[in-house]
Protein backbone atom coordinates (compact mmCIF):
# COMPACT_ATOMS: atom_id res chain seq x y z
CA MET A 1 -176.90 207.36 -56.22
CA SER A 2 -178.63 208.55 -53.57
CA LYS A 3 -181.42 206.75 -51.08
CA ASN A 4 -184.37 208.22 -52.24
CA GLU A 5 -183.43 207.47 -55.70
CA LYS A 6 -183.11 203.83 -54.61
CA LEU A 7 -186.32 203.97 -53.02
CA TRP A 8 -188.44 205.49 -55.81
CA GLY A 9 -186.27 203.49 -58.96
CA SER A 10 -186.99 203.84 -62.10
CA LEU A 11 -190.82 203.21 -61.57
CA ILE A 12 -192.35 206.80 -61.03
CA LEU A 13 -196.27 206.96 -59.90
CA LEU A 14 -197.51 210.05 -60.40
CA ILE A 15 -200.73 209.94 -58.86
CA LEU A 16 -203.12 212.41 -59.54
CA ILE A 17 -205.84 212.49 -56.24
CA GLY A 18 -206.39 216.57 -54.71
CA PHE A 19 -210.00 217.22 -55.35
CA CYS A 20 -210.55 217.43 -59.67
CA SER A 21 -213.07 216.06 -61.90
CA CYS A 22 -212.08 212.64 -64.36
CA TRP A 23 -213.52 212.42 -67.69
CA ILE A 24 -215.93 209.48 -68.44
CA GLY A 25 -217.41 209.11 -71.29
CA GLY A 26 -216.86 213.01 -72.66
CA ALA A 27 -218.44 214.06 -69.38
CA PHE A 28 -217.15 215.54 -66.30
CA LEU A 29 -217.78 215.11 -62.71
CA SER A 30 -217.88 217.77 -59.93
CA THR A 31 -215.07 218.87 -58.02
CA PHE A 32 -213.90 219.44 -54.98
CA PRO A 33 -210.87 222.49 -54.34
CA ARG A 34 -207.71 221.17 -54.24
CA VAL A 35 -205.33 220.81 -50.89
CA SER A 36 -202.38 219.61 -51.99
CA CYS A 37 -199.38 219.64 -54.86
CA LEU A 38 -196.42 218.05 -53.27
CA ASN A 39 -193.03 217.37 -54.17
CA ILE A 40 -190.22 214.53 -53.59
CA GLU A 41 -186.50 214.70 -53.92
CA GLY A 42 -184.73 213.97 -56.89
CA ASN A 43 -187.33 213.10 -58.91
CA HIS A 44 -191.34 213.95 -59.20
CA ALA A 45 -193.58 216.27 -57.89
CA LEU A 46 -196.98 214.10 -57.20
CA SER A 47 -200.48 215.56 -57.20
CA VAL A 48 -203.72 214.12 -55.94
CA ASN A 49 -207.15 214.21 -56.93
CA PHE A 50 -210.84 212.65 -55.91
CA GLU A 51 -213.39 213.21 -57.95
CA ALA A 52 -216.86 214.37 -55.95
CA SER A 53 -217.93 210.90 -54.83
CA GLY A 54 -214.23 209.65 -53.75
CA GLN A 55 -214.63 206.60 -56.04
CA ILE A 56 -212.34 207.51 -59.04
CA ILE A 57 -208.72 208.50 -59.25
CA ALA A 58 -206.50 209.55 -62.23
CA LEU A 59 -202.86 207.90 -62.00
CA GLY A 60 -200.15 209.30 -64.14
CA ARG A 61 -197.11 206.64 -65.44
CA ALA A 62 -193.41 208.34 -66.14
CA ASP A 63 -194.13 206.48 -69.23
CA GLY A 64 -196.16 209.58 -70.44
CA THR A 65 -199.49 207.78 -69.71
CA VAL A 66 -202.20 208.17 -67.89
CA ARG A 67 -204.53 205.57 -66.36
CA LEU A 68 -208.62 206.56 -65.33
CA TRP A 69 -209.35 203.82 -62.45
CA ASP A 70 -212.69 203.33 -60.62
CA MET A 71 -211.77 202.72 -57.14
CA THR A 72 -214.75 200.46 -56.06
CA ALA A 73 -214.51 198.27 -58.75
CA ASP A 74 -210.76 197.66 -58.75
CA HIS A 75 -211.13 198.19 -62.77
CA GLU A 76 -208.96 200.64 -64.96
CA MET A 77 -211.74 202.49 -67.29
CA ASP A 78 -209.62 204.67 -69.59
CA THR A 79 -205.41 204.53 -70.77
CA PHE A 80 -204.05 207.42 -73.10
CA ARG A 81 -200.57 208.57 -73.73
CA VAL A 82 -199.93 212.63 -73.20
CA CYS A 83 -196.29 212.28 -74.13
CA ARG A 84 -193.48 210.25 -74.84
CA GLY A 85 -191.03 211.75 -72.50
CA ARG A 86 -190.45 211.32 -68.65
CA ILE A 87 -192.93 213.71 -66.76
CA GLU A 88 -191.56 214.80 -63.83
CA CYS A 89 -194.99 216.19 -62.31
CA MET A 90 -198.80 216.58 -63.06
CA ALA A 91 -201.65 219.07 -61.89
CA PHE A 92 -205.45 219.04 -63.26
CA SER A 93 -207.32 222.43 -62.99
CA LEU A 94 -209.86 222.19 -60.28
CA ASP A 95 -212.65 221.75 -62.97
CA GLY A 96 -211.00 218.54 -64.34
CA ARG A 97 -210.70 219.80 -67.92
CA THR A 98 -207.56 220.82 -68.45
CA LEU A 99 -204.03 218.83 -67.24
CA ALA A 100 -200.28 220.36 -66.82
CA PHE A 101 -197.60 218.26 -66.95
CA GLY A 102 -193.80 219.09 -67.04
CA THR A 103 -190.90 216.50 -68.38
CA ARG A 104 -187.67 216.04 -67.54
CA ASP A 105 -186.71 217.66 -70.63
CA GLY A 106 -187.83 221.25 -69.43
CA GLU A 107 -191.17 220.82 -71.14
CA LEU A 108 -194.19 222.14 -69.68
CA LYS A 109 -197.82 221.41 -71.75
CA ILE A 110 -201.32 221.95 -71.15
CA TRP A 111 -203.66 218.76 -72.25
CA GLY A 112 -207.10 218.73 -72.89
CA MET A 113 -209.11 216.23 -71.54
CA GLU A 114 -212.19 216.47 -73.34
CA THR A 115 -210.59 216.50 -76.39
CA LYS A 116 -207.41 214.48 -75.46
CA LYS A 117 -205.30 216.66 -77.16
CA GLU A 118 -202.06 219.05 -76.61
CA LEU A 119 -203.73 222.62 -75.59
CA ALA A 120 -199.91 224.50 -75.49
CA ASP A 121 -196.35 223.98 -75.17
CA LEU A 122 -195.00 226.45 -72.74
CA ARG A 123 -191.21 227.20 -73.31
CA GLY A 124 -189.27 229.14 -70.98
CA HIS A 125 -187.54 226.83 -68.38
CA LYS A 126 -184.29 225.52 -68.53
CA GLY A 127 -183.97 222.14 -67.03
CA ARG A 128 -186.45 219.70 -65.43
CA VAL A 129 -189.75 221.18 -65.03
CA VAL A 130 -190.28 219.71 -61.06
CA THR A 131 -193.39 221.21 -59.84
CA VAL A 132 -196.62 222.56 -61.29
CA ALA A 133 -200.09 224.34 -59.92
CA PHE A 134 -203.40 225.52 -61.18
CA SER A 135 -204.52 228.37 -59.38
CA SER A 136 -207.58 227.98 -57.58
CA ASP A 137 -209.81 229.54 -60.43
CA GLY A 138 -207.84 228.20 -62.63
CA LYS A 139 -206.76 230.92 -64.89
CA THR A 140 -203.35 231.15 -63.68
CA LEU A 141 -200.87 228.29 -63.96
CA ALA A 142 -197.67 228.31 -61.74
CA SER A 143 -194.42 226.08 -62.63
CA GLY A 144 -191.02 225.46 -60.83
CA GLY A 145 -188.00 223.72 -62.02
CA ASP A 146 -184.03 223.54 -61.44
CA ASP A 147 -183.68 226.50 -63.08
CA HIS A 148 -184.34 228.12 -59.75
CA THR A 149 -187.31 230.42 -61.18
CA ILE A 150 -191.45 230.39 -60.50
CA MET A 151 -192.85 230.87 -64.16
CA LEU A 152 -196.58 232.15 -64.15
CA TRP A 153 -198.81 231.37 -67.24
CA ASP A 154 -202.14 232.92 -68.64
CA VAL A 155 -204.29 229.53 -68.75
CA SER A 156 -206.58 231.12 -71.72
CA THR A 157 -203.91 233.02 -73.80
CA HIS A 158 -201.39 230.35 -72.83
CA MET A 159 -198.54 233.10 -72.55
CA GLN A 160 -196.02 233.89 -69.35
CA SER A 161 -197.67 236.21 -67.42
CA GLY A 162 -194.95 236.87 -65.22
CA SER A 163 -192.35 234.94 -63.58
CA LEU A 164 -191.05 235.11 -59.44
CA HIS A 165 -187.13 235.01 -58.74
CA GLY A 166 -185.54 234.43 -55.28
CA HIS A 167 -184.93 230.78 -54.65
CA ALA A 168 -181.30 229.72 -54.86
CA SER A 169 -181.48 226.20 -55.92
CA THR A 170 -184.60 223.84 -56.95
CA VAL A 171 -187.96 224.53 -56.94
CA THR A 172 -189.48 221.49 -55.46
CA SER A 173 -193.32 222.27 -54.82
CA LEU A 174 -195.66 224.77 -55.35
CA ALA A 175 -199.39 225.48 -53.85
CA PHE A 176 -201.70 228.33 -53.84
CA SER A 177 -203.67 228.90 -51.24
CA PRO A 178 -207.66 228.47 -51.58
CA ASP A 179 -208.52 232.14 -52.27
CA GLY A 180 -205.30 232.38 -55.01
CA ARG A 181 -203.80 235.30 -53.56
CA THR A 182 -201.01 233.47 -52.34
CA LEU A 183 -198.58 231.47 -53.99
CA LEU A 184 -196.48 228.91 -51.62
CA SER A 185 -192.87 228.09 -52.53
CA GLY A 186 -190.61 225.43 -51.72
CA SER A 187 -186.93 224.64 -52.84
CA TYR A 188 -183.54 222.41 -52.28
CA ASP A 189 -182.29 225.57 -51.16
CA GLU A 190 -184.15 225.01 -47.70
CA THR A 191 -186.90 228.23 -48.06
CA ILE A 192 -190.51 228.29 -47.74
CA LYS A 193 -191.51 231.46 -49.41
CA LEU A 194 -194.61 233.39 -49.56
CA TRP A 195 -195.69 235.21 -52.61
CA ASP A 196 -198.28 237.40 -54.22
CA PRO A 197 -199.11 235.68 -57.68
CA ILE A 198 -200.76 239.05 -58.96
CA GLY A 199 -198.45 241.65 -57.98
CA ARG A 200 -195.90 239.52 -58.74
CA LEU A 201 -194.22 240.29 -55.20
CA HIS A 202 -192.56 238.17 -52.97
CA ARG A 203 -194.33 238.66 -49.67
CA LEU A 204 -192.49 236.31 -47.01
CA THR A 205 -190.09 233.90 -46.15
CA LEU A 206 -191.10 231.61 -43.44
CA PRO A 207 -188.85 230.69 -40.57
CA ARG A 208 -187.87 227.35 -39.94
CA HIS A 209 -187.61 224.93 -37.19
CA THR A 210 -184.41 223.53 -39.07
CA ASN A 211 -182.11 223.57 -42.20
CA SER A 212 -182.76 220.86 -44.45
CA ALA A 213 -184.43 220.66 -47.88
CA VAL A 214 -188.19 221.04 -48.68
CA TYR A 215 -190.27 217.96 -49.73
CA GLY A 216 -193.69 219.07 -49.84
CA ILE A 217 -195.94 221.93 -48.23
CA ALA A 218 -199.55 221.96 -48.57
CA PHE A 219 -202.10 224.46 -47.27
CA SER A 220 -204.97 224.32 -45.03
CA PRO A 221 -208.67 224.03 -46.17
CA ASP A 222 -208.93 227.47 -44.70
CA GLY A 223 -206.05 228.78 -45.63
CA LYS A 224 -204.54 229.79 -42.21
CA THR A 225 -201.65 226.94 -42.00
CA ILE A 226 -198.78 225.79 -43.96
CA ALA A 227 -197.53 222.29 -43.43
CA CYS A 228 -194.01 220.91 -44.58
CA GLY A 229 -191.99 217.50 -45.31
CA ASN A 230 -188.66 217.90 -45.05
CA GLN A 231 -185.16 216.29 -44.35
CA SER A 232 -185.60 217.15 -40.33
CA GLN A 233 -187.97 213.93 -39.58
CA THR A 234 -190.74 216.57 -38.56
CA VAL A 235 -193.51 218.28 -40.07
CA GLU A 236 -193.50 221.61 -39.66
CA LEU A 237 -196.04 224.02 -39.48
CA TRP A 238 -196.84 227.91 -39.73
CA SER A 239 -199.50 230.22 -38.85
CA VAL A 240 -199.89 232.02 -42.02
CA GLU A 241 -201.82 235.14 -40.30
CA ALA A 242 -198.99 235.52 -37.83
CA GLY A 243 -196.07 234.34 -40.56
CA LYS A 244 -194.94 232.57 -37.34
CA LYS A 245 -194.07 228.95 -37.02
CA LEU A 246 -195.97 226.60 -34.75
CA PRO A 247 -194.73 223.64 -32.75
CA PRO A 248 -193.42 220.97 -35.33
CA LEU A 249 -195.13 217.07 -35.37
CA VAL A 250 -192.73 214.88 -33.72
CA GLY A 251 -192.60 210.98 -34.56
CA HIS A 252 -191.15 210.17 -38.09
CA GLU A 253 -187.44 208.79 -38.12
CA HIS A 254 -186.69 209.60 -41.72
CA ASN A 255 -187.45 212.33 -44.33
CA VAL A 256 -191.13 213.44 -44.31
CA ILE A 257 -191.74 213.51 -48.08
CA ALA A 258 -195.28 214.22 -48.40
CA VAL A 259 -198.19 215.89 -46.53
CA ALA A 260 -202.13 216.23 -46.69
CA PHE A 261 -204.64 218.23 -44.70
CA ALA A 262 -208.03 216.75 -43.69
CA PRO A 263 -211.25 218.37 -45.52
CA ASP A 264 -212.18 219.77 -41.95
CA GLY A 265 -208.75 220.68 -41.11
CA LYS A 266 -208.61 218.75 -37.89
CA LYS A 267 -206.00 216.03 -39.15
CA LEU A 268 -203.11 215.82 -41.19
CA ALA A 269 -201.47 212.94 -42.86
CA SER A 270 -197.99 212.53 -43.43
CA ALA A 271 -195.85 210.34 -45.53
CA SER A 272 -191.90 209.50 -44.47
CA VAL A 273 -188.90 207.38 -45.80
CA ASP A 274 -189.05 205.81 -42.93
CA GLY A 275 -191.67 202.95 -44.21
CA THR A 276 -194.64 204.59 -42.48
CA VAL A 277 -197.88 207.08 -43.03
CA LYS A 278 -198.82 208.81 -39.94
CA LEU A 279 -202.03 210.57 -39.02
CA TRP A 280 -201.82 213.39 -36.87
CA ASP A 281 -204.24 215.31 -34.93
CA LEU A 282 -203.82 219.22 -35.01
CA ARG A 283 -205.64 220.23 -31.85
CA ASN A 284 -203.13 218.79 -29.74
CA GLY A 285 -200.11 217.01 -32.17
CA ASP A 286 -200.95 213.20 -31.02
CA ILE A 287 -200.33 210.74 -33.79
CA THR A 288 -203.88 208.99 -33.89
CA ALA A 289 -202.62 206.28 -36.20
CA THR A 290 -199.31 204.63 -37.77
CA PHE A 291 -199.57 202.77 -41.21
CA LYS A 292 -196.26 200.72 -42.14
CA TRP A 293 -195.98 201.77 -45.83
CA GLU A 294 -193.81 203.14 -48.26
CA GLY A 295 -195.90 205.71 -49.79
CA ASN A 296 -194.84 208.54 -51.77
CA LEU A 297 -197.82 210.30 -51.11
CA VAL A 298 -201.09 211.14 -49.29
CA ALA A 299 -204.08 212.42 -49.92
CA PHE A 300 -207.76 212.19 -48.17
CA SER A 301 -211.26 211.13 -49.82
CA PRO A 302 -213.50 214.66 -50.28
CA ASP A 303 -215.40 213.31 -47.04
CA GLY A 304 -212.35 212.82 -45.11
CA LYS A 305 -213.37 209.33 -44.22
CA ARG A 306 -210.64 207.74 -46.41
CA LEU A 307 -206.47 208.17 -47.06
CA VAL A 308 -204.97 206.83 -50.21
CA SER A 309 -201.08 206.73 -50.61
CA PRO A 310 -199.12 205.30 -53.36
CA SER A 311 -195.88 203.69 -53.50
CA LEU A 312 -193.79 202.13 -56.52
CA GLU A 313 -196.04 199.54 -57.42
CA ARG A 314 -199.25 199.49 -55.64
CA THR A 315 -201.73 201.98 -54.03
CA LYS A 316 -203.11 201.79 -50.52
CA LEU A 317 -206.55 202.85 -49.29
CA TRP A 318 -207.26 202.89 -45.58
CA ASP A 319 -211.05 203.16 -43.76
CA LEU A 320 -209.90 205.64 -41.19
CA GLU A 321 -213.23 205.17 -39.32
CA MET A 322 -212.43 201.56 -39.29
CA GLY A 323 -208.41 202.22 -39.04
CA ARG A 324 -207.64 199.63 -41.31
CA GLU A 325 -206.63 199.04 -44.85
CA SER A 326 -209.87 198.91 -47.44
CA LEU A 327 -208.03 198.37 -50.89
CA ILE A 328 -204.72 197.86 -52.35
CA PHE A 329 -204.39 198.30 -56.32
CA GLY A 330 -201.64 196.65 -58.16
CA LYS A 331 -199.60 193.90 -56.78
CA LYS A 332 -200.91 191.89 -54.03
CA SER A 333 -199.25 191.61 -50.47
CA SER A 334 -199.66 190.62 -47.57
CA ASP A 335 -198.57 193.31 -45.58
């Protein structure tokens, strides 16, 4: 068993936090654009969504259930089951009305949040579906997994609209650019590729600082910068316009498994197997804060004032203005 498998264990917390709405009493809260769709080696793609006020999150578990939580009151609002198999990845559409998830058995399903019923069973992948991502307009769903293939789906017709080939190993991470014109993919084959999802064309394979498996990828809010977490203990950065690598962020002591840009694009958060979550100032590459926490994902609130990170049994929320932890979900601890 690998170190990462031991770390994440049998209970896999899929936190859905990016910027989506949550279903409450039949109504939806307004939405913000997604900023990340991230993955962890060997196990599960995680996606994170804050609703507009930043007070509600949705947590998906490996047992196939989704739980809605009010973060202010630390109160569970609703729990419902979306499948009976082991969930590998989840993503909400930006309007929050649709949930897509992939399983270890190769299933890919679209689920309606208002009706809480399955809308489509999309068949095509062979092996695990490891990562899913909605386009910004919600019309396209991208999926990737152990079969080395990226599949594109028409959300309205539930039909496959295309496929992208070029990776030589598991596709671990997918992210659409904010304008929806570029699809970013990462893989265990140590490559990061940019695709034209409309023309179904491979545009570019990014030059890298090091040869290492790709764990998590993210577009900046303006779509001009790409960040990547990997085995090299650094956060890799690229300029999208120039297609060139930028100086990496150096400071972690083990694999970087998750990255997320702040809404203003000036800061970036990263989580590592070294047991820390770090904040970076992208203007100079400096570390502005280090939190001792074995998180497997990071995401900012819509106003950028809070940072959330889940681990196996708990979720921490930091007040970045005060520079300290403001809330813990799950089992309490003294750390």
